C-alpha atoms as a PDB file:
ATOM      1  CA  MET A   1     107.212 -10.142 160.209  1.00  0.00           C
ATOM      2  CA  GLN A   2     106.969 -13.827 159.946  1.00  0.00           C
ATOM      3  CA  ALA A   3     108.227 -15.735 163.284  1.00  0.00           C
ATOM      4  CA  ILE A   4     107.750 -18.799 165.493  1.00  0.00           C
ATOM      5  CA  GLN A   5     106.361 -18.316 168.947  1.00  0.00           C
ATOM      6  CA  LEU A   6     106.523 -20.328 172.314  1.00  0.00           C
ATOM      7  CA  PHE A   7     103.443 -20.094 174.397  1.00  0.00           C
ATOM      8  CA  SER A   8     103.672 -23.100 175.879  1.00  0.00           C
ATOM      9  CA  GLN A   9     106.737 -26.165 176.202  1.00  0.00           C
ATOM     10  CA  GLY A  10     105.894 -29.187 174.835  1.00  0.00           C
ATOM     11  CA  ARG A  11     106.172 -31.918 171.382  1.00  0.00           C
ATOM     12  CA  PRO A  12     107.193 -29.844 168.488  1.00  0.00           C
ATOM     13  CA  ASP A  13     103.538 -28.886 167.083  1.00  0.00           C
ATOM     14  CA  VAL A  14     104.330 -26.024 170.052  1.00  0.00           C
ATOM     15  CA  LEU A  15     105.858 -23.975 167.641  1.00  0.00           C
ATOM     16  CA  GLU A  16     103.704 -21.755 166.829  1.00  0.00           C
ATOM     17  CA  GLY A  17     103.886 -19.499 162.981  1.00  0.00           C
ATOM     18  CA  ARG A  18     102.565 -15.603 163.922  1.00  0.00           C
ATOM     19  CA  ASP A  19     102.900 -12.005 162.188  1.00  0.00           C
ATOM     20  CA  ILE A  20     104.458  -9.564 164.921  1.00  0.00           C
ATOM     21  CA  PRO A  21     105.966  -6.507 164.958  1.00  0.00           C
ATOM     22  CA  MET A  22     109.398  -6.091 163.859  1.00  0.00           C
ATOM     23  CA  PRO A  23     111.721  -5.115 166.481  1.00  0.00           C
ATOM     24  CA  VAL A  24     113.391  -2.118 167.019  1.00  0.00           C
ATOM     25  CA  PRO A  25     117.086  -1.866 168.081  1.00  0.00           C
ATOM     26  CA  LYS A  26     117.727  -0.519 171.475  1.00  0.00           C
ATOM     27  CA  GLU A  27     121.644   1.284 172.162  1.00  0.00           C
ATOM     28  CA  GLY A  28     124.485  -0.809 170.847  1.00  0.00           C
ATOM     29  CA  GLU A  29     122.113  -3.160 168.882  1.00  0.00           C
ATOM     30  CA  VAL A  30     121.858  -3.319 165.074  1.00  0.00           C
ATOM     31  CA  LEU A  31     118.727  -4.719 162.506  1.00  0.00           C
ATOM     32  CA  VAL A  32     119.497  -7.747 161.062  1.00  0.00           C
ATOM     33  CA  ARG A  33     117.378  -9.710 158.407  1.00  0.00           C
ATOM     34  CA  VAL A  34     117.473 -13.453 158.687  1.00  0.00           C
ATOM     35  CA  ASP A  35     118.937 -15.341 155.894  1.00  0.00           C
ATOM     36  CA  TYR A  36     119.039 -19.099 157.465  1.00  0.00           C
ATOM     37  CA  ALA A  37     118.527 -20.142 161.511  1.00  0.00           C
ATOM     38  CA  GLY A  38     119.961 -23.036 162.410  1.00  0.00           C
ATOM     39  CA  ILE A  39     118.172 -25.420 163.918  1.00  0.00           C
ATOM     40  CA  ASN A  40     119.792 -27.285 166.573  1.00  0.00           C
ATOM     41  CA  TYR A  41     119.093 -29.163 170.318  1.00  0.00           C
ATOM     42  CA  ALA A  42     119.718 -26.143 172.720  1.00  0.00           C
ATOM     43  CA  ASP A  43     116.299 -25.043 170.747  1.00  0.00           C
ATOM     44  CA  VAL A  44     114.348 -28.838 171.161  1.00  0.00           C
ATOM     45  CA  TYR A  45     115.640 -28.428 175.079  1.00  0.00           C
ATOM     46  CA  GLN A  46     114.019 -25.217 175.212  1.00  0.00           C
ATOM     47  CA  ARG A  47     110.713 -26.176 173.330  1.00  0.00           C
ATOM     48  CA  ASN A  48     110.507 -29.444 175.051  1.00  0.00           C
ATOM     49  CA  GLY A  49     110.536 -28.079 178.636  1.00  0.00           C
ATOM     50  CA  GLN A  50     114.085 -29.559 179.493  1.00  0.00           C
ATOM     51  CA  ASN A  51     115.630 -26.201 179.813  1.00  0.00           C
ATOM     52  CA  PRO A  52     113.113 -23.727 180.533  1.00  0.00           C
ATOM     53  CA  ALA A  53     112.403 -20.492 178.826  1.00  0.00           C
ATOM     54  CA  SER A  54     110.147 -17.554 179.849  1.00  0.00           C
ATOM     55  CA  LEU A  55     106.855 -17.719 177.314  1.00  0.00           C
ATOM     56  CA  PRO A  56     106.006 -16.279 174.873  1.00  0.00           C
ATOM     57  CA  CYS A  57     109.619 -16.489 173.543  1.00  0.00           C
ATOM     58  CA  ILE A  58     111.058 -16.685 169.620  1.00  0.00           C
ATOM     59  CA  PRO A  59     113.228 -19.986 169.622  1.00  0.00           C
ATOM     60  CA  GLY A  60     116.875 -19.727 167.586  1.00  0.00           C
ATOM     61  CA  ALA A  61     120.103 -19.165 169.011  1.00  0.00           C
ATOM     62  CA  GLU A  62     121.988 -19.293 165.609  1.00  0.00           C
ATOM     63  CA  GLY A  63     121.672 -17.613 162.374  1.00  0.00           C
ATOM     64  CA  ALA A  64     123.156 -15.508 159.530  1.00  0.00           C
ATOM     65  CA  GLY A  65     121.710 -12.693 157.464  1.00  0.00           C
ATOM     66  CA  MET A  66     122.236  -8.870 156.456  1.00  0.00           C
ATOM     67  CA  VAL A  67     121.928  -5.462 158.630  1.00  0.00           C
ATOM     68  CA  VAL A  68     119.326  -3.312 157.037  1.00  0.00           C
ATOM     69  CA  GLU A  69     120.169  -0.687 160.238  1.00  0.00           C
ATOM     70  CA  GLY A  70     123.815  -0.435 161.521  1.00  0.00           C
ATOM     71  CA  ASN A  71     126.152   2.036 163.374  1.00  0.00           C
ATOM     72  CA  ALA A  72     129.183   3.244 162.867  1.00  0.00           C
ATOM     73  CA  GLU A  73     131.219  -0.369 163.237  1.00  0.00           C
ATOM     74  CA  LEU A  74     128.749  -2.046 161.527  1.00  0.00           C
ATOM     75  CA  THR A  75     127.339  -0.842 158.499  1.00  0.00           C
ATOM     76  CA  ALA A  76     124.056  -1.903 156.423  1.00  0.00           C
ATOM     77  CA  GLY A  77     124.890  -4.548 153.720  1.00  0.00           C
ATOM     78  CA  SER A  78     127.316  -6.249 156.231  1.00  0.00           C
ATOM     79  CA  ALA A  79     126.705 -10.460 156.288  1.00  0.00           C
ATOM     80  CA  VAL A  80     126.946 -11.282 160.166  1.00  0.00           C
ATOM     81  CA  ALA A  81     126.455 -14.192 161.713  1.00  0.00           C
ATOM     82  CA  TRP A  82     125.520 -15.019 165.493  1.00  0.00           C
ATOM     83  CA  LEU A  83     125.632 -18.192 167.607  1.00  0.00           C
ATOM     84  CA  SER A  84     124.077 -17.382 171.188  1.00  0.00           C
ATOM     85  CA  HIS A  85     121.649 -15.140 170.957  1.00  0.00           C
ATOM     86  CA  ALA A  86     118.113 -16.280 171.275  1.00  0.00           C
ATOM     87  CA  GLY A  87     114.960 -14.772 168.243  1.00  0.00           C
ATOM     88  CA  SER A  88     116.422 -16.151 165.266  1.00  0.00           C
ATOM     89  CA  TYR A  89     113.313 -17.967 164.184  1.00  0.00           C
ATOM     90  CA  ALA A  90     112.021 -14.965 162.393  1.00  0.00           C
ATOM     91  CA  GLU A  91     112.141 -12.761 159.612  1.00  0.00           C
ATOM     92  CA  TYR A  92     114.323  -9.554 161.821  1.00  0.00           C
ATOM     93  CA  ILE A  93     116.109  -9.766 164.530  1.00  0.00           C
ATOM     94  CA  ALA A  94     117.659  -6.610 166.871  1.00  0.00           C
ATOM     95  CA  ILE A  95     121.667  -8.024 168.268  1.00  0.00           C
ATOM     96  CA  PRO A  96     123.985  -6.154 170.061  1.00  0.00           C
ATOM     97  CA  ALA A  97     126.443  -5.422 167.623  1.00  0.00           C
ATOM     98  CA  TRP A  98     129.394  -6.972 169.396  1.00  0.00           C
ATOM     99  CA  LYS A  99     127.554 -10.294 169.206  1.00  0.00           C
ATOM    100  CA  LEU A 100     128.016  -9.915 165.521  1.00  0.00           C
ATOM    101  CA  ILE A 101     130.818 -11.903 163.611  1.00  0.00           C
ATOM    102  CA  VAL A 102     131.197 -10.333 160.002  1.00  0.00           C
ATOM    103  CA  LEU A 103     131.457 -13.433 157.559  1.00  0.00           C
ATOM    104  CA  PRO A 104     134.297 -12.810 155.408  1.00  0.00           C
ATOM    105  CA  ALA A 105     133.974 -12.952 151.693  1.00  0.00           C
ATOM    106  CA  LYS A 106     133.713 -16.469 150.337  1.00  0.00           C
ATOM    107  CA  LEU A 107     131.038 -17.536 153.039  1.00  0.00           C
ATOM    108  CA  SER A 108     127.747 -17.301 152.698  1.00  0.00           C
ATOM    109  CA  THR A 109     124.898 -16.737 155.459  1.00  0.00           C
ATOM    110  CA  GLN A 110     124.227 -20.308 154.302  1.00  0.00           C
ATOM    111  CA  GLU A 111     127.458 -21.272 154.922  1.00  0.00           C
ATOM    112  CA  ALA A 112     127.262 -19.717 157.946  1.00  0.00           C
ATOM    113  CA  ALA A 113     124.140 -20.450 159.677  1.00  0.00           C
ATOM    114  CA  ALA A 114     125.036 -23.969 159.042  1.00  0.00           C
ATOM    115  CA  ALA A 115     128.938 -23.903 160.821  1.00  0.00           C
ATOM    116  CA  MET A 116     129.739 -21.204 163.719  1.00  0.00           C
ATOM    117  CA  LEU A 117     127.589 -22.388 166.528  1.00  0.00           C
ATOM    118  CA  GLN A 118     128.917 -25.824 165.821  1.00  0.00           C
ATOM    119  CA  ALA A 119     132.426 -25.555 164.771  1.00  0.00           C
ATOM    120  CA  VAL A 120     132.984 -22.490 167.680  1.00  0.00           C
ATOM    121  CA  THR A 121     131.033 -25.529 170.162  1.00  0.00           C
ATOM    122  CA  THR A 122     134.059 -27.907 168.693  1.00  0.00           C
ATOM    123  CA  GLN A 123     136.832 -25.239 169.301  1.00  0.00           C
ATOM    124  CA  TYR A 124     136.046 -25.483 173.171  1.00  0.00           C
ATOM    125  CA  LEU A 125     135.327 -29.105 173.639  1.00  0.00           C
ATOM    126  CA  CYS A 126     139.023 -29.836 171.731  1.00  0.00           C
ATOM    127  CA  GLU A 127     140.939 -27.001 172.764  1.00  0.00           C
ATOM    128  CA  THR A 128     138.930 -25.664 176.336  1.00  0.00           C
ATOM    129  CA  SER A 129     136.835 -28.405 177.884  1.00  0.00           C
ATOM    130  CA  TYR A 130     139.714 -31.231 176.828  1.00  0.00           C
ATOM    131  CA  ARG A 131     142.615 -29.771 175.205  1.00  0.00           C
ATOM    132  CA  VAL A 132     143.342 -32.483 172.499  1.00  0.00           C
ATOM    133  CA  GLN A 133     147.417 -33.574 172.268  1.00  0.00           C
ATOM    134  CA  ALA A 134     148.433 -35.767 169.658  1.00  0.00           C
ATOM    135  CA  GLY A 135     148.099 -39.181 170.093  1.00  0.00           C
ATOM    136  CA  ASP A 136     145.207 -39.243 171.949  1.00  0.00           C
ATOM    137  CA  THR A 137     142.612 -41.553 171.547  1.00  0.00           C
ATOM    138  CA  ALA A 138     138.396 -40.026 172.095  1.00  0.00           C
ATOM    139  CA  LEU A 139     135.174 -41.669 171.630  1.00  0.00           C
ATOM    140  CA  VAL A 140     132.540 -39.293 169.876  1.00  0.00           C
ATOM    141  CA  HIS A 141     128.992 -40.388 170.625  1.00  0.00           C
ATOM    142  CA  ALA A 142     126.473 -39.444 167.618  1.00  0.00           C
ATOM    143  CA  GLY A 143     129.188 -39.105 165.085  1.00  0.00           C
ATOM    144  CA  ALA A 144     127.448 -38.797 161.951  1.00  0.00           C
ATOM    145  CA  GLY A 145     124.975 -35.692 163.896  1.00  0.00           C
ATOM    146  CA  GLY A 146     126.376 -31.750 163.279  1.00  0.00           C
ATOM    147  CA  VAL A 147     128.923 -31.497 165.731  1.00  0.00           C
ATOM    148  CA  GLY A 148     129.971 -35.079 165.434  1.00  0.00           C
ATOM    149  CA  LEU A 149     130.407 -34.872 161.968  1.00  0.00           C
ATOM    150  CA  LEU A 150     132.914 -31.550 162.904  1.00  0.00           C
ATOM    151  CA  LEU A 151     134.094 -32.787 165.975  1.00  0.00           C
ATOM    152  CA  THR A 152     135.656 -36.196 163.952  1.00  0.00           C
ATOM    153  CA  GLN A 153     137.605 -33.936 161.797  1.00  0.00           C
ATOM    154  CA  THR A 154     139.123 -31.677 163.469  1.00  0.00           C
ATOM    155  CA  LEU A 155     140.224 -33.790 166.562  1.00  0.00           C
ATOM    156  CA  LYS A 156     142.116 -35.758 163.224  1.00  0.00           C
ATOM    157  CA  HIS A 157     143.658 -33.348 162.005  1.00  0.00           C
ATOM    158  CA  LYS A 158     144.843 -32.815 165.642  1.00  0.00           C
ATOM    159  CA  GLY A 159     146.421 -36.013 164.912  1.00  0.00           C
ATOM    160  CA  ALA A 160     143.966 -37.602 168.124  1.00  0.00           C
ATOM    161  CA  ASN A 161     142.505 -41.735 167.203  1.00  0.00           C
ATOM    162  CA  VAL A 162     138.924 -41.262 167.245  1.00  0.00           C
ATOM    163  CA  ILE A 163     136.349 -43.696 167.678  1.00  0.00           C
ATOM    164  CA  SER A 164     132.814 -43.453 167.080  1.00  0.00           C
ATOM    165  CA  THR A 165     129.076 -43.937 167.636  1.00  0.00           C
ATOM    166  CA  VAL A 166     126.436 -44.426 165.205  1.00  0.00           C
ATOM    167  CA  SER A 167     122.952 -45.544 165.013  1.00  0.00           C
ATOM    168  CA  SER A 168     123.196 -47.439 161.299  1.00  0.00           C
ATOM    169  CA  ALA A 169     125.221 -48.727 158.878  1.00  0.00           C
ATOM    170  CA  GLU A 170     124.721 -45.168 156.563  1.00  0.00           C
ATOM    171  CA  LYS A 171     125.901 -43.433 159.392  1.00  0.00           C
ATOM    172  CA  ALA A 172     128.586 -44.721 159.687  1.00  0.00           C
ATOM    173  CA  VAL A 173     129.826 -44.528 156.144  1.00  0.00           C
ATOM    174  CA  LEU A 174     129.770 -40.363 157.134  1.00  0.00           C
ATOM    175  CA  ALA A 175     131.488 -40.846 160.362  1.00  0.00           C
ATOM    176  CA  LYS A 176     134.237 -42.693 158.417  1.00  0.00           C
ATOM    177  CA  ALA A 177     134.237 -40.288 155.643  1.00  0.00           C
ATOM    178  CA  ALA A 178     134.779 -37.489 158.083  1.00  0.00           C
ATOM    179  CA  GLY A 179     137.777 -38.927 159.347  1.00  0.00           C
ATOM    180  CA  ALA A 180     136.705 -41.487 162.242  1.00  0.00           C
ATOM    181  CA  ASP A 181     139.335 -44.574 163.026  1.00  0.00           C
ATOM    182  CA  HIS A 182     137.006 -46.924 163.792  1.00  0.00           C
ATOM    183  CA  VAL A 183     132.972 -46.852 163.757  1.00  0.00           C
ATOM    184  CA  ILE A 184     130.588 -48.230 166.637  1.00  0.00           C
ATOM    185  CA  LEU A 185     126.826 -49.167 165.519  1.00  0.00           C
ATOM    186  CA  TYR A 186     125.749 -49.078 169.243  1.00  0.00           C
ATOM    187  CA  ASN A 187     122.752 -50.609 168.937  1.00  0.00           C
ATOM    188  CA  GLN A 188     123.992 -53.766 167.893  1.00  0.00           C
ATOM    189  CA  THR A 189     126.994 -54.087 169.546  1.00  0.00           C
ATOM    190  CA  ASN A 190     128.263 -52.537 173.920  1.00  0.00           C
ATOM    191  CA  PHE A 191     130.097 -49.374 172.987  1.00  0.00           C
ATOM    192  CA  THR A 192     131.996 -49.941 176.231  1.00  0.00           C
ATOM    193  CA  HIS A 193     133.518 -53.247 175.662  1.00  0.00           C
ATOM    194  CA  ALA A 194     134.135 -52.284 172.211  1.00  0.00           C
ATOM    195  CA  VAL A 195     136.043 -49.763 173.035  1.00  0.00           C
ATOM    196  CA  LYS A 196     138.297 -51.369 175.386  1.00  0.00           C
ATOM    197  CA  ASP A 197     138.683 -54.389 173.044  1.00  0.00           C
ATOM    198  CA  LEU A 198     139.995 -51.333 170.765  1.00  0.00           C
ATOM    199  CA  THR A 199     142.039 -49.559 173.097  1.00  0.00           C
ATOM    200  CA  GLN A 200     144.071 -52.796 174.225  1.00  0.00           C
ATOM    201  CA  GLN A 201     141.439 -52.620 177.629  1.00  0.00           C
ATOM    202  CA  LYS A 202     142.785 -49.147 178.446  1.00  0.00           C
ATOM    203  CA  GLY A 203     140.012 -47.107 177.763  1.00  0.00           C
ATOM    204  CA  VAL A 204     139.865 -43.812 175.408  1.00  0.00           C
ATOM    205  CA  HIS A 205     141.628 -39.919 176.822  1.00  0.00           C
ATOM    206  CA  VAL A 206     138.452 -38.135 176.509  1.00  0.00           C
ATOM    207  CA  VAL A 207     134.535 -39.104 175.742  1.00  0.00           C
ATOM    208  CA  TYR A 208     132.331 -36.826 173.873  1.00  0.00           C
ATOM    209  CA  ASP A 209     128.818 -37.792 175.124  1.00  0.00           C
ATOM    210  CA  SER A 210     126.195 -35.504 173.283  1.00  0.00           C
ATOM    211  CA  VAL A 211     123.624 -38.364 174.020  1.00  0.00           C
ATOM    212  CA  GLY A 212     123.509 -38.426 177.867  1.00  0.00           C
ATOM    213  CA  LEU A 213     121.080 -40.515 180.152  1.00  0.00           C
ATOM    214  CA  SER A 214     121.857 -43.969 177.757  1.00  0.00           C
ATOM    215  CA  THR A 215     125.387 -43.520 177.713  1.00  0.00           C
ATOM    216  CA  TYR A 216     126.821 -41.330 180.683  1.00  0.00           C
ATOM    217  CA  LEU A 217     127.408 -44.660 182.516  1.00  0.00           C
ATOM    218  CA  GLY A 218     128.622 -46.366 179.614  1.00  0.00           C
ATOM    219  CA  SER A 219     131.149 -43.554 178.647  1.00  0.00           C
ATOM    220  CA  MET A 220     132.492 -43.101 181.988  1.00  0.00           C
ATOM    221  CA  ALA A 221     133.156 -46.768 181.844  1.00  0.00           C
ATOM    222  CA  ALA A 222     134.736 -46.471 178.493  1.00  0.00           C
ATOM    223  CA  LEU A 223     137.418 -43.894 179.836  1.00  0.00           C
ATOM    224  CA  ARG A 224     141.060 -44.844 180.763  1.00  0.00           C
ATOM    225  CA  PRO A 225     142.435 -43.835 183.962  1.00  0.00           C
ATOM    226  CA  LEU A 226     142.135 -39.834 184.927  1.00  0.00           C
ATOM    227  CA  GLY A 227     140.566 -39.538 181.511  1.00  0.00           C
ATOM    228  CA  SER A 228     137.832 -36.815 180.741  1.00  0.00           C
ATOM    229  CA  LEU A 229     133.890 -37.507 180.074  1.00  0.00           C
ATOM    230  CA  VAL A 230     132.982 -33.698 178.238  1.00  0.00           C
ATOM    231  CA  LEU A 231     129.138 -34.355 178.851  1.00  0.00           C
ATOM    232  CA  PHE A 232     127.765 -31.609 176.428  1.00  0.00           C
ATOM    233  CA  GLY A 233     124.240 -32.174 175.315  1.00  0.00           C
ATOM    234  CA  GLN A 234     121.018 -34.950 176.274  1.00  0.00           C
ATOM    235  CA  SER A 235     119.493 -36.298 173.408  1.00  0.00           C
ATOM    236  CA  SER A 236     118.302 -38.948 175.448  1.00  0.00           C
ATOM    237  CA  GLY A 237     117.675 -37.063 178.566  1.00  0.00           C
ATOM    238  CA  ASN A 238     118.778 -35.689 181.452  1.00  0.00           C
ATOM    239  CA  VAL A 239     121.579 -37.453 183.495  1.00  0.00           C
ATOM    240  CA  PRO A 240     120.983 -37.881 186.801  1.00  0.00           C
ATOM    241  CA  PRO A 241     123.458 -36.310 189.889  1.00  0.00           C
ATOM    242  CA  ILE A 242     126.881 -38.503 190.010  1.00  0.00           C
ATOM    243  CA  ASP A 243     128.709 -39.072 192.847  1.00  0.00           C
ATOM    244  CA  PRO A 244     132.017 -37.872 192.750  1.00  0.00           C
ATOM    245  CA  MET A 245     132.914 -41.183 194.590  1.00  0.00           C
ATOM    246  CA  HIS A 246     131.497 -42.787 191.135  1.00  0.00           C
ATOM    247  CA  LEU A 247     134.696 -40.515 189.146  1.00  0.00           C
ATOM    248  CA  CYS A 248     137.214 -41.975 192.288  1.00  0.00           C
ATOM    249  CA  ARG A 249     136.355 -45.798 191.832  1.00  0.00           C
ATOM    250  CA  GLN A 250     136.531 -45.238 188.372  1.00  0.00           C
ATOM    251  CA  GLY A 251     140.264 -44.093 187.917  1.00  0.00           C
ATOM    252  CA  SER A 252     139.762 -40.480 189.310  1.00  0.00           C
ATOM    253  CA  LEU A 253     137.976 -39.329 185.979  1.00  0.00           C
ATOM    254  CA  PHE A 254     137.468 -35.761 185.017  1.00  0.00           C
ATOM    255  CA  LEU A 255     133.710 -34.504 184.372  1.00  0.00           C
ATOM    256  CA  THR A 256     132.501 -31.172 183.125  1.00  0.00           C
ATOM    257  CA  ARG A 257     129.260 -30.083 181.693  1.00  0.00           C
ATOM    258  CA  PRO A 258     130.309 -26.819 179.484  1.00  0.00           C
ATOM    259  CA  THR A 259     127.653 -24.538 177.363  1.00  0.00           C
ATOM    260  CA  LEU A 260     128.390 -22.709 174.330  1.00  0.00           C
ATOM    261  CA  ALA A 261     127.308 -19.476 175.995  1.00  0.00           C
ATOM    262  CA  HIS A 262     129.870 -19.769 178.614  1.00  0.00           C
ATOM    263  CA  HIS A 263     132.424 -19.746 175.879  1.00  0.00           C
ATOM    264  CA  VAL A 264     131.371 -16.295 174.043  1.00  0.00           C
ATOM    265  CA  ALA A 265     130.040 -14.358 176.995  1.00  0.00           C
ATOM    266  CA  ASP A 266     132.049 -11.567 175.794  1.00  0.00           C
ATOM    267  CA  ALA A 267     133.400  -9.449 172.430  1.00  0.00           C
ATOM    268  CA  ASP A 268     137.214 -11.010 173.158  1.00  0.00           C
ATOM    269  CA  SER A 269     135.936 -14.767 173.909  1.00  0.00           C
ATOM    270  CA  LEU A 270     133.161 -14.640 170.858  1.00  0.00           C
ATOM    271  CA  GLN A 271     135.495 -12.979 168.228  1.00  0.00           C
ATOM    272  CA  TYR A 272     138.263 -15.576 169.480  1.00  0.00           C
ATOM    273  CA  ARG A 273     136.675 -18.718 168.869  1.00  0.00           C
ATOM    274  CA  SER A 274     135.085 -17.436 166.061  1.00  0.00           C
ATOM    275  CA  GLN A 275     138.290 -16.655 164.599  1.00  0.00           C
ATOM    276  CA  ARG A 276     139.435 -20.326 165.067  1.00  0.00           C
ATOM    277  CA  ALA A 277     136.698 -21.522 163.243  1.00  0.00           C
ATOM    278  CA  LEU A 278     136.623 -19.393 160.619  1.00  0.00           C
ATOM    279  CA  HIS A 279     139.885 -19.890 160.299  1.00  0.00           C
ATOM    280  CA  TRP A 280     139.104 -23.795 159.540  1.00  0.00           C
ATOM    281  CA  LEU A 281     136.826 -23.797 157.007  1.00  0.00           C
ATOM    282  CA  ALA A 282     138.935 -21.401 155.040  1.00  0.00           C
ATOM    283  CA  GLU A 283     142.051 -24.297 155.501  1.00  0.00           C
ATOM    284  CA  GLY A 284     139.666 -27.026 154.648  1.00  0.00           C
ATOM    285  CA  ILE A 285     140.272 -28.536 157.532  1.00  0.00           C
ATOM    286  CA  LEU A 286     136.070 -28.869 158.684  1.00  0.00           C
ATOM    287  CA  HIS A 287     133.806 -29.575 155.720  1.00  0.00           C
ATOM    288  CA  LEU A 288     130.118 -29.488 156.142  1.00  0.00           C
ATOM    289  CA  ARG A 289     127.212 -31.726 155.994  1.00  0.00           C
ATOM    290  CA  ILE A 290     123.601 -29.342 155.476  1.00  0.00           C
ATOM    291  CA  HIS A 291     121.106 -32.613 155.793  1.00  0.00           C
ATOM    292  CA  ALA A 292     118.102 -30.247 154.859  1.00  0.00           C
ATOM    293  CA  ILE A 293     116.613 -26.740 154.921  1.00  0.00           C
ATOM    294  CA  TYR A 294     112.972 -26.249 155.902  1.00  0.00           C
ATOM    295  CA  PRO A 295     110.865 -22.638 154.896  1.00  0.00           C
ATOM    296  CA  LEU A 296     110.491 -20.817 158.378  1.00  0.00           C
ATOM    297  CA  GLU A 297     106.884 -22.182 158.553  1.00  0.00           C
ATOM    298  CA  HIS A 298     107.869 -26.090 158.756  1.00  0.00           C
ATOM    299  CA  ALA A 299     110.155 -25.380 161.918  1.00  0.00           C
ATOM    300  CA  ALA A 300     107.653 -27.671 163.767  1.00  0.00           C
ATOM    301  CA  GLN A 301     108.849 -30.612 161.078  1.00  0.00           C
ATOM    302  CA  ALA A 302     112.175 -29.802 161.321  1.00  0.00           C
ATOM    303  CA  HIS A 303     112.238 -30.110 165.210  1.00  0.00           C
ATOM    304  CA  ALA A 304     110.259 -33.484 164.191  1.00  0.00           C
ATOM    305  CA  ALA A 305     113.358 -34.787 162.434  1.00  0.00           C
ATOM    306  CA  LEU A 306     116.038 -33.617 164.506  1.00  0.00           C
ATOM    307  CA  GLU A 307     114.941 -35.609 167.304  1.00  0.00           C
ATOM    308  CA  SER A 308     114.039 -38.559 164.885  1.00  0.00           C
ATOM    309  CA  ARG A 309     117.644 -38.836 165.382  1.00  0.00           C
ATOM    310  CA  GLN A 310     117.575 -40.111 161.790  1.00  0.00           C
ATOM    311  CA  THR A 311     119.680 -36.262 160.503  1.00  0.00           C
ATOM    312  CA  THR A 312     123.518 -36.582 159.822  1.00  0.00           C
ATOM    313  CA  GLY A 313     124.238 -33.302 159.526  1.00  0.00           C
ATOM    314  CA  LYS A 314     122.590 -29.957 160.037  1.00  0.00           C
ATOM    315  CA  LEU A 315     119.383 -28.309 159.826  1.00  0.00           C
ATOM    316  CA  LEU A 316     118.076 -25.154 158.914  1.00  0.00           C
ATOM    317  CA  LEU A 317     115.115 -22.699 158.414  1.00  0.00           C
ATOM    318  CA  ALA A 318     115.478 -20.449 155.298  1.00  0.00           C
ATOM    319  CA  ILE A 319     114.019 -17.556 156.451  1.00  0.00           C
ATOM    320  CA  SER A 320     114.813 -14.646 154.009  1.00  0.00           C
ATOM    321  CA  ALA A 321     113.280 -14.748 150.356  1.00  0.00           C
ATOM    322  CA  SER A 322     116.727 -14.821 148.606  1.00  0.00           C
ATOM    323  CA  ALA A 323     117.392 -18.158 151.144  1.00  0.00           C
ATOM    324  CA  ARG A 324     113.241 -19.465 150.169  1.00  0.00           C
ATOM    325  CA  ASN A 325     114.423 -19.442 146.711  1.00  0.00           C
ATOM    326  CA  SER A 326     117.313 -21.889 147.593  1.00  0.00           C
ATOM    327  CA  ILE A 327     115.119 -24.151 148.869  1.00  0.00           C
ATOM    328  CA  ARG A 328     113.397 -24.320 145.431  1.00  0.00           C
ATOM    329  CA  ASN A 329     116.590 -24.530 143.857  1.00  0.00           C
ATOM    330  CA  ASN A 330     117.613 -26.677 145.573  1.00  0.00           C
ATOM    331  CA  HIS A 331     114.714 -29.102 146.131  1.00  0.00           C
ATOM    332  CA  HIS A 332     115.288 -28.484 149.989  1.00  0.00           C
ATOM    333  CA  ALA A 333     113.317 -30.475 152.354  1.00  0.00           C
END
């Protein structure tokens, strides 16, 4: 089968296309044909060494496709998705059956690959990392990104006021369309000062920060006393150690650094959070935006696009023959 492999860590060009043997399912696993793999910053961190991986490896923790060798509970032909299992940048993946989410008939594998990881991330961010209440004010960095757009929609559904930061006027339009009450162009305006002005100097209840190094200090300064800083990414670089006394002086702040794997570490948690996300999709609470779909062999190009921070919404790799046909028919990247 065709797969993308990492033999060293570095720039996008270290992603190499290889012809390798198909995986053989172990006990408890099923074999899945991968239609689409989702591209996420976690893949970038694995590739560039921010989150070191054992090499060689096949990147990609998220995807959707069709079961080809199943078991008694999960039969061949079932449409499934997964969001926390390595090896998705390949034509086939062997994966424990409990890690698979059976898709409802009206959700395509393309939509599932575009939605599940980021929708489940949105779920734990606003229902576990910080439980959003109606009337709360939230600051969402990277408001036109894949998580940012879904998170904004969910926060508005819960009755929160949302302030987004984005890098361009075009992204501001998308953030507003997702429901943001206010959008700040962070490269033109000091976002901390703007947030304080928008909140009558009180600050926000929660900041959702996936940017990291360049924003975390401003994020803390934008919080009201007893506010929560939810750091869930580091697209600008790793956040250095934070002195607990800084949290004290800023107003007895709460700080958390969640990651997806711990929130879907067992079957019950995975199914609960996935079903919440699927409900929001089915009810039209969440609307997907797919920025581009790349063929598998263009994985490096897709990574470069994501790191440019010029993308809006989700990036996918089309892998199976039917998925690749969708690129040609819809003129994706």
